[in-house]
Amino acid sequence: MRRRFLTTTMAIALGAILWTSLPAAWAQGEQPMTGKEAKKLLKSGEKSLKKAQDATARGNAPAAEESARGFATALGQVERALAQDNVRENDLVDVAARVDEATLKHIPVLEGLLTRVPEQARPAIERALSVSRRGHDTATEAILRGGELSLPGGVLTDRSARDAMSRNEALLRHAERGRRHGDDQGV
């Protein structure tokens, strides 16, 4: 029983160490980010943003500030991976679309928080807002980059045609999201 407990504890500790080392690997360009990893980071950012909203509603400026930093860190990692073209090629358009969709939702929320937080938490919210805006711009650029079609050997195959259709659909979804949110540049 004791051995199983130690093994489980060691496995959990090792998992935590590996999870915290993944963002460093992406930042150094050692390993391309996958769509699943980006999704986890975006979900973590959304949780942090929700915590910032709750802390602001309670009047807890330090907690709002800390949560805003967590949001900026999570979203910043995905944004940097997109900007440095360090996302798996198969996942590029999907990750960029997720970032675009998330930032279009986050920007109005952060702007609302900026008007309600105490002065001491404002720099963290402003930084989070800046990261979100930069993430939106980077996602737009990545979607456009990912929309380019390269034909191996100059021949259109079934696979390259499916990839082109998938990219075109992502571009159309991006334009539609931009239109709904008044983002003329994205459209």
C-alpha atoms as a PDB file:
ATOM      1  CA  MET A   1       0.000   0.000   0.000  1.00  0.00           C
ATOM      2  CA  ARG A   2       2.777   2.405   0.944  1.00  0.00           C
ATOM      3  CA  ARG A   3       4.690   1.627  -2.259  1.00  0.00           C
ATOM      4  CA  ARG A   4       1.609   2.334  -4.401  1.00  0.00           C
ATOM      5  CA  PHE A   5       1.092   5.670  -2.603  1.00  0.00           C
ATOM      6  CA  LEU A   6       4.705   6.696  -3.205  1.00  0.00           C
ATOM      7  CA  THR A   7       4.518   5.641  -6.844  1.00  0.00           C
ATOM      8  CA  THR A   8       1.304   7.619  -7.356  1.00  0.00           C
ATOM      9  CA  THR A   9       2.771  10.645  -5.588  1.00  0.00           C
ATOM     10  CA  MET A  10       5.924  10.460  -7.693  1.00  0.00           C
ATOM     11  CA  ALA A  11       3.864  10.146 -10.878  1.00  0.00           C
ATOM     12  CA  ILE A  12       1.815  13.201  -9.950  1.00  0.00           C
ATOM     13  CA  ALA A  13       4.956  15.176  -9.143  1.00  0.00           C
ATOM     14  CA  LEU A  14       6.597  14.114 -12.398  1.00  0.00           C
ATOM     15  CA  GLY A  15       3.452  15.065 -14.323  1.00  0.00           C
ATOM     16  CA  ALA A  16       3.439  18.502 -12.687  1.00  0.00           C
ATOM     17  CA  ILE A  17       7.111  19.017 -13.548  1.00  0.00           C
ATOM     18  CA  LEU A  18       6.541  17.990 -17.150  1.00  0.00           C
ATOM     19  CA  TRP A  19       3.431  20.187 -17.473  1.00  0.00           C
ATOM     20  CA  THR A  20       5.294  23.243 -16.174  1.00  0.00           C
ATOM     21  CA  SER A  21       8.222  22.560 -18.500  1.00  0.00           C
ATOM     22  CA  LEU A  22       6.058  22.390 -21.662  1.00  0.00           C
ATOM     23  CA  PRO A  23       5.579  26.160 -22.030  1.00  0.00           C
ATOM     24  CA  ALA A  24       9.348  26.641 -21.699  1.00  0.00           C
ATOM     25  CA  ALA A  25       9.914  24.137 -24.505  1.00  0.00           C
ATOM     26  CA  TRP A  26       7.460  26.030 -26.746  1.00  0.00           C
ATOM     27  CA  ALA A  27       9.065  29.365 -25.900  1.00  0.00           C
ATOM     28  CA  GLN A  28      12.477  28.009 -26.884  1.00  0.00           C
ATOM     29  CA  GLY A  29      11.118  26.589 -30.112  1.00  0.00           C
ATOM     30  CA  GLU A  30      12.095  23.015 -29.245  1.00  0.00           C
ATOM     31  CA  GLN A  31       8.689  21.465 -29.751  1.00  0.00           C
ATOM     32  CA  PRO A  32       5.767  22.730 -31.854  1.00  0.00           C
ATOM     33  CA  MET A  33       2.569  23.380 -29.936  1.00  0.00           C
ATOM     34  CA  THR A  34      -0.329  21.081 -30.738  1.00  0.00           C
ATOM     35  CA  GLY A  35      -3.959  22.050 -30.967  1.00  0.00           C
ATOM     36  CA  LYS A  36      -4.704  20.149 -27.765  1.00  0.00           C
ATOM     37  CA  GLU A  37      -2.007  22.015 -25.843  1.00  0.00           C
ATOM     38  CA  ALA A  38      -3.228  25.351 -27.171  1.00  0.00           C
ATOM     39  CA  LYS A  39      -6.773  24.465 -26.172  1.00  0.00           C
ATOM     40  CA  LYS A  40      -5.605  23.734 -22.599  1.00  0.00           C
ATOM     41  CA  LEU A  41      -3.801  27.061 -22.384  1.00  0.00           C
ATOM     42  CA  LEU A  42      -6.801  28.956 -23.742  1.00  0.00           C
ATOM     43  CA  LYS A  43      -9.083  27.206 -21.271  1.00  0.00           C
ATOM     44  CA  SER A  44      -6.691  28.094 -18.443  1.00  0.00           C
ATOM     45  CA  GLY A  45      -6.716  31.716 -19.628  1.00  0.00           C
ATOM     46  CA  GLU A  46     -10.520  31.765 -19.665  1.00  0.00           C
ATOM     47  CA  LYS A  47     -10.611  30.428 -16.105  1.00  0.00           C
ATOM     48  CA  SER A  48      -8.186  33.148 -15.030  1.00  0.00           C
ATOM     49  CA  LEU A  49     -10.312  35.797 -16.728  1.00  0.00           C
ATOM     50  CA  LYS A  50     -13.406  34.499 -14.937  1.00  0.00           C
ATOM     51  CA  LYS A  51     -11.512  34.651 -11.622  1.00  0.00           C
ATOM     52  CA  ALA A  52     -10.505  38.242 -12.407  1.00  0.00           C
ATOM     53  CA  GLN A  53     -14.150  39.129 -13.048  1.00  0.00           C
ATOM     54  CA  ASP A  54     -15.236  37.489  -9.785  1.00  0.00           C
ATOM     55  CA  ALA A  55     -12.447  39.160  -7.816  1.00  0.00           C
ATOM     56  CA  THR A  56     -13.366  42.551  -9.292  1.00  0.00           C
ATOM     57  CA  ALA A  57     -16.992  42.037  -8.334  1.00  0.00           C
ATOM     58  CA  ARG A  58     -15.885  41.256  -4.767  1.00  0.00           C
ATOM     59  CA  GLY A  59     -13.575  44.289  -4.723  1.00  0.00           C
ATOM     60  CA  ASN A  60     -10.465  42.131  -4.296  1.00  0.00           C
ATOM     61  CA  ALA A  61      -7.893  44.058  -6.354  1.00  0.00           C
ATOM     62  CA  PRO A  62      -4.866  41.809  -5.605  1.00  0.00           C
ATOM     63  CA  ALA A  63      -6.759  38.686  -6.702  1.00  0.00           C
ATOM     64  CA  ALA A  64      -8.019  40.440  -9.847  1.00  0.00           C
ATOM     65  CA  GLU A  65      -4.475  41.548 -10.627  1.00  0.00           C
ATOM     66  CA  GLU A  66      -3.071  38.039 -10.131  1.00  0.00           C
ATOM     67  CA  SER A  67      -5.799  36.460 -12.254  1.00  0.00           C
ATOM     68  CA  ALA A  68      -5.230  38.999 -15.032  1.00  0.00           C
ATOM     69  CA  ARG A  69      -1.533  38.080 -15.003  1.00  0.00           C
ATOM     70  CA  GLY A  70      -2.469  34.395 -15.302  1.00  0.00           C
ATOM     71  CA  PHE A  71      -4.700  35.188 -18.263  1.00  0.00           C
ATOM     72  CA  ALA A  72      -1.955  37.196 -19.990  1.00  0.00           C
ATOM     73  CA  THR A  73       0.593  34.436 -19.408  1.00  0.00           C
ATOM     74  CA  ALA A  74      -1.592  31.649 -20.818  1.00  0.00           C
ATOM     75  CA  LEU A  75      -2.764  33.616 -23.848  1.00  0.00           C
ATOM     76  CA  GLY A  76       0.740  35.027 -24.383  1.00  0.00           C
ATOM     77  CA  GLN A  77       2.203  31.528 -24.710  1.00  0.00           C
ATOM     78  CA  VAL A  78      -0.221  30.604 -27.473  1.00  0.00           C
ATOM     79  CA  GLU A  79       0.221  33.979 -29.179  1.00  0.00           C
ATOM     80  CA  ARG A  80       4.026  33.624 -29.149  1.00  0.00           C
ATOM     81  CA  ALA A  81       3.787  30.114 -30.607  1.00  0.00           C
ATOM     82  CA  LEU A  82       1.618  31.466 -33.436  1.00  0.00           C
ATOM     83  CA  ALA A  83       3.858  34.487 -34.010  1.00  0.00           C
ATOM     84  CA  GLN A  84       7.001  32.349 -34.126  1.00  0.00           C
ATOM     85  CA  ASP A  85       5.282  29.823 -36.399  1.00  0.00           C
ATOM     86  CA  ASN A  86       5.848  27.208 -33.707  1.00  0.00           C
ATOM     87  CA  VAL A  87       2.486  25.438 -33.994  1.00  0.00           C
ATOM     88  CA  ARG A  88       2.159  22.041 -35.632  1.00  0.00           C
ATOM     89  CA  GLU A  89       1.326  22.611 -39.279  1.00  0.00           C
ATOM     90  CA  ASN A  90      -1.802  20.450 -39.131  1.00  0.00           C
ATOM     91  CA  ASP A  91      -3.088  22.455 -36.156  1.00  0.00           C
ATOM     92  CA  LEU A  92      -2.111  25.973 -37.278  1.00  0.00           C
ATOM     93  CA  VAL A  93      -5.430  27.104 -38.737  1.00  0.00           C
ATOM     94  CA  ASP A  94      -7.425  25.503 -35.899  1.00  0.00           C
ATOM     95  CA  VAL A  95      -5.253  27.076 -33.170  1.00  0.00           C
ATOM     96  CA  ALA A  96      -5.344  30.462 -34.868  1.00  0.00           C
ATOM     97  CA  ALA A  97      -9.129  30.260 -35.210  1.00  0.00           C
ATOM     98  CA  ARG A  98      -9.481  29.344 -31.524  1.00  0.00           C
ATOM     99  CA  VAL A  99      -7.273  32.266 -30.480  1.00  0.00           C
ATOM    100  CA  ASP A 100      -9.184  34.614 -32.756  1.00  0.00           C
ATOM    101  CA  GLU A 101     -12.546  33.496 -31.410  1.00  0.00           C
ATOM    102  CA  ALA A 102     -11.366  33.668 -27.790  1.00  0.00           C
ATOM    103  CA  THR A 103      -9.809  37.107 -28.093  1.00  0.00           C
ATOM    104  CA  LEU A 104     -12.906  38.533 -29.737  1.00  0.00           C
ATOM    105  CA  LYS A 105     -14.801  37.464 -26.598  1.00  0.00           C
ATOM    106  CA  HIS A 106     -12.070  38.505 -24.139  1.00  0.00           C
ATOM    107  CA  ILE A 107     -11.409  42.038 -25.361  1.00  0.00           C
ATOM    108  CA  PRO A 108     -14.842  43.460 -24.379  1.00  0.00           C
ATOM    109  CA  VAL A 109     -14.676  41.672 -21.014  1.00  0.00           C
ATOM    110  CA  LEU A 110     -11.226  43.109 -20.281  1.00  0.00           C
ATOM    111  CA  GLU A 111     -12.319  46.584 -21.382  1.00  0.00           C
ATOM    112  CA  GLY A 112     -15.231  46.321 -18.945  1.00  0.00           C
ATOM    113  CA  LEU A 113     -12.916  45.190 -16.156  1.00  0.00           C
ATOM    114  CA  LEU A 114     -10.581  48.087 -16.852  1.00  0.00           C
ATOM    115  CA  THR A 115     -13.299  50.559 -15.944  1.00  0.00           C
ATOM    116  CA  ARG A 116     -14.195  48.773 -12.708  1.00  0.00           C
ATOM    117  CA  VAL A 117     -10.897  47.701 -11.128  1.00  0.00           C
ATOM    118  CA  PRO A 118      -9.024  49.802  -8.598  1.00  0.00           C
ATOM    119  CA  GLU A 119      -5.997  51.741  -9.792  1.00  0.00           C
ATOM    120  CA  GLN A 120      -3.482  49.191  -8.464  1.00  0.00           C
ATOM    121  CA  ALA A 121      -4.886  46.385 -10.655  1.00  0.00           C
ATOM    122  CA  ARG A 122      -5.125  48.500 -13.802  1.00  0.00           C
ATOM    123  CA  PRO A 123      -1.630  47.752 -15.197  1.00  0.00           C
ATOM    124  CA  ALA A 124      -2.286  43.992 -15.075  1.00  0.00           C
ATOM    125  CA  ILE A 125      -5.646  44.389 -16.840  1.00  0.00           C
ATOM    126  CA  GLU A 126      -4.082  46.715 -19.429  1.00  0.00           C
ATOM    127  CA  ARG A 127      -1.336  44.162 -20.079  1.00  0.00           C
ATOM    128  CA  ALA A 128      -3.925  41.381 -20.437  1.00  0.00           C
ATOM    129  CA  LEU A 129      -5.893  43.574 -22.843  1.00  0.00           C
ATOM    130  CA  SER A 130      -2.744  44.275 -24.843  1.00  0.00           C
ATOM    131  CA  VAL A 131      -1.902  40.554 -25.028  1.00  0.00           C
ATOM    132  CA  SER A 132      -5.461  39.791 -26.120  1.00  0.00           C
ATOM    133  CA  ARG A 133      -5.388  42.407 -28.883  1.00  0.00           C
ATOM    134  CA  ARG A 134      -1.958  41.230 -30.038  1.00  0.00           C
ATOM    135  CA  GLY A 135      -3.240  37.636 -29.958  1.00  0.00           C
ATOM    136  CA  HIS A 136      -6.148  38.603 -32.189  1.00  0.00           C
ATOM    137  CA  ASP A 137      -3.830  40.269 -34.708  1.00  0.00           C
ATOM    138  CA  THR A 138      -1.397  37.344 -34.628  1.00  0.00           C
ATOM    139  CA  ALA A 139      -4.253  34.872 -35.108  1.00  0.00           C
ATOM    140  CA  THR A 140      -5.500  36.818 -38.117  1.00  0.00           C
ATOM    141  CA  GLU A 141      -2.022  36.757 -39.652  1.00  0.00           C
ATOM    142  CA  ALA A 142      -1.622  33.031 -38.911  1.00  0.00           C
ATOM    143  CA  ILE A 143      -4.988  32.218 -40.487  1.00  0.00           C
ATOM    144  CA  LEU A 144      -3.996  34.121 -43.598  1.00  0.00           C
ATOM    145  CA  ARG A 145      -0.573  32.408 -43.625  1.00  0.00           C
ATOM    146  CA  GLY A 146      -2.219  29.031 -43.099  1.00  0.00           C
ATOM    147  CA  GLY A 147      -4.616  29.725 -45.933  1.00  0.00           C
ATOM    148  CA  GLU A 148      -1.842  29.604 -48.489  1.00  0.00           C
ATOM    149  CA  LEU A 149      -1.805  26.443 -50.553  1.00  0.00           C
ATOM    150  CA  SER A 150       1.443  24.734 -51.376  1.00  0.00           C
ATOM    151  CA  LEU A 151       1.332  21.944 -53.892  1.00  0.00           C
ATOM    152  CA  PRO A 152       4.047  19.335 -53.504  1.00  0.00           C
ATOM    153  CA  GLY A 153       5.471  18.825 -56.971  1.00  0.00           C
ATOM    154  CA  GLY A 154       2.936  21.315 -58.340  1.00  0.00           C
ATOM    155  CA  VAL A 155       0.225  18.620 -58.452  1.00  0.00           C
ATOM    156  CA  LEU A 156      -3.178  18.922 -56.812  1.00  0.00           C
ATOM    157  CA  THR A 157      -3.912  15.694 -54.959  1.00  0.00           C
ATOM    158  CA  ASP A 158      -6.979  14.626 -52.994  1.00  0.00           C
ATOM    159  CA  ARG A 159      -5.192  15.428 -49.753  1.00  0.00           C
ATOM    160  CA  SER A 160      -3.999  18.887 -50.854  1.00  0.00           C
ATOM    161  CA  ALA A 161      -7.499  19.653 -52.159  1.00  0.00           C
ATOM    162  CA  ARG A 162      -9.044  18.635 -48.795  1.00  0.00           C
ATOM    163  CA  ASP A 163      -6.437  20.750 -46.965  1.00  0.00           C
ATOM    164  CA  ALA A 164      -7.234  23.721 -49.202  1.00  0.00           C
ATOM    165  CA  MET A 165     -10.973  23.313 -48.570  1.00  0.00           C
ATOM    166  CA  SER A 166     -10.375  23.099 -44.823  1.00  0.00           C
ATOM    167  CA  ARG A 167      -8.261  26.247 -44.886  1.00  0.00           C
ATOM    168  CA  ASN A 168     -10.825  28.093 -46.986  1.00  0.00           C
ATOM    169  CA  GLU A 169     -13.567  27.128 -44.544  1.00  0.00           C
ATOM    170  CA  ALA A 170     -11.418  28.418 -41.664  1.00  0.00           C
ATOM    171  CA  LEU A 171     -10.894  31.693 -43.518  1.00  0.00           C
ATOM    172  CA  LEU A 172     -14.646  32.048 -44.080  1.00  0.00           C
ATOM    173  CA  ARG A 173     -15.379  31.342 -40.393  1.00  0.00           C
ATOM    174  CA  HIS A 174     -12.758  33.941 -39.451  1.00  0.00           C
ATOM    175  CA  ALA A 175     -14.352  36.530 -41.726  1.00  0.00           C
ATOM    176  CA  GLU A 176     -17.803  35.770 -40.334  1.00  0.00           C
ATOM    177  CA  ARG A 177     -16.587  36.128 -36.721  1.00  0.00           C
ATOM    178  CA  GLY A 178     -14.920  39.396 -37.632  1.00  0.00           C
ATOM    179  CA  ARG A 179     -18.096  40.688 -39.257  1.00  0.00           C
ATOM    180  CA  ARG A 180     -20.197  39.785 -36.188  1.00  0.00           C
ATOM    181  CA  HIS A 181     -17.756  41.592 -33.898  1.00  0.00           C
ATOM    182  CA  GLY A 182     -17.169  44.614 -36.110  1.00  0.00           C
ATOM    183  CA  ASP A 183     -13.567  43.675 -36.936  1.00  0.00           C
ATOM    184  CA  ASP A 184     -13.161  45.175 -40.416  1.00  0.00           C
ATOM    185  CA  GLN A 185      -9.451  44.334 -40.552  1.00  0.00           C
ATOM    186  CA  GLY A 186     -10.171  40.648 -39.858  1.00  0.00           C
ATOM    187  CA  VAL A 187     -12.871  40.537 -42.512  1.00  0.00           C
END
